[in-house]
Amino acid sequence: MTAPVVRIGTRRSPLALAQSEWVASRLAEQGHAVELVPVVTEGDTSSASLREIGGTGVFVSALRDALVRGRVDVAVHSLKDLPTAPQPGLSLAAVPAREDPRDALVARDGLTVAALPAGARVGTGSPRRAAQLRAHRPDLEVVDIRGNVDTRLGLVADATVDAVLLARAGLVRLGRLDRITEVIDPSVMLPAPGQGALAVEARALDGAERPFLSSLRTLDDPASRAAVTAERAVLAGLEAGCSAPVGALAVADEPGFAEPVLSLHAVVASVDGTTIRRMSITAPVAEAAEVGHELARRLLSSADAVITGDVAR
């Protein structure tokens, strides 16, 4: 009997397709027939800013609905787009090895953040990037932009803006690494929780093991899963959505420790960047979720009302 085709739900953007094609290739290598099923999400159809449309879930809700309804068997997301609350009936089957999670600058004339002249226009659709950039360089003009990666790169090419901020991982996956003029140090800009990682979701087991699930599990990278678990616990603890001005980065196996640990760094800021709090904590890898919640608690107790009003919505 011919094995059923594994239907992989994906957004239509070039980046989403590249990510889903990577998962499809891994399944095909293990003998599965695969088919990509494009799904249009709210985030793809709205031209409003992420803050206006809510941010949380706008890029994943339609994919999850298709998965729950059985239109697709697997959904591939950028993990940073996933709401932190679990989705009944679905399981996170795999978190593959993560790409470099840092943010990147693509600027005219090879400029870096430090070299951008006062008043330079920097485009981003992320309140998190905007807040941290304003805190670091309040003399720059932050311009709210939307669109896929190539659309944003085009804004620099046609001089609409002087630079744009993007995830390095997305540029790598699209073969645009040569466009980066600076990979931004996390001391300047912490990435979004889960940035650079993929989330491969499937329906929770319904009493029968489906063959492709065991293949998906081979894609899982425990270190990447632990890191993003800690980062997303910060986001959940702050009751913040994926568009809120919150950054987090967990780094596993810091040198000098006898057992595997996570060093978790987080930032929470006001949207205008005038108020910002950074904190770090270290704990065993096995306590990834707990350490994320603890760091969120410490941030909330130290942050002022301007910040908490921005994130706890």
Foldseek 3Di string as FASTA:
>chain_A
DDADEAEEEFAPAPLRVLQRVVVVVLLVVVPHHYDYDHDHFQQNPDFDFCVVVVQACRRPPRVVVCQVVVVGFKYKDLVLNHQLDDDPQKDQLAKFDFDDQFKFKQFPPLDDLVRDDFAFEEEDSALQVQLLSCQVRVRYHYDYGDDDPVVQNVCRVVVVGGMYMDTCLSCVSVVNNVRTSDGDDVVRGAGRQSGRIMTMMGGDDPPDDDVCSVSSNVRHDLVSVLFSLLRSLLLVLLQFGSRFNKHKTWDWDDPDDPAIKIKMKMKFAASSNPFIDIDIDMDHSVCSNVNSNVVNVVCVVPGDPRRSVRGND
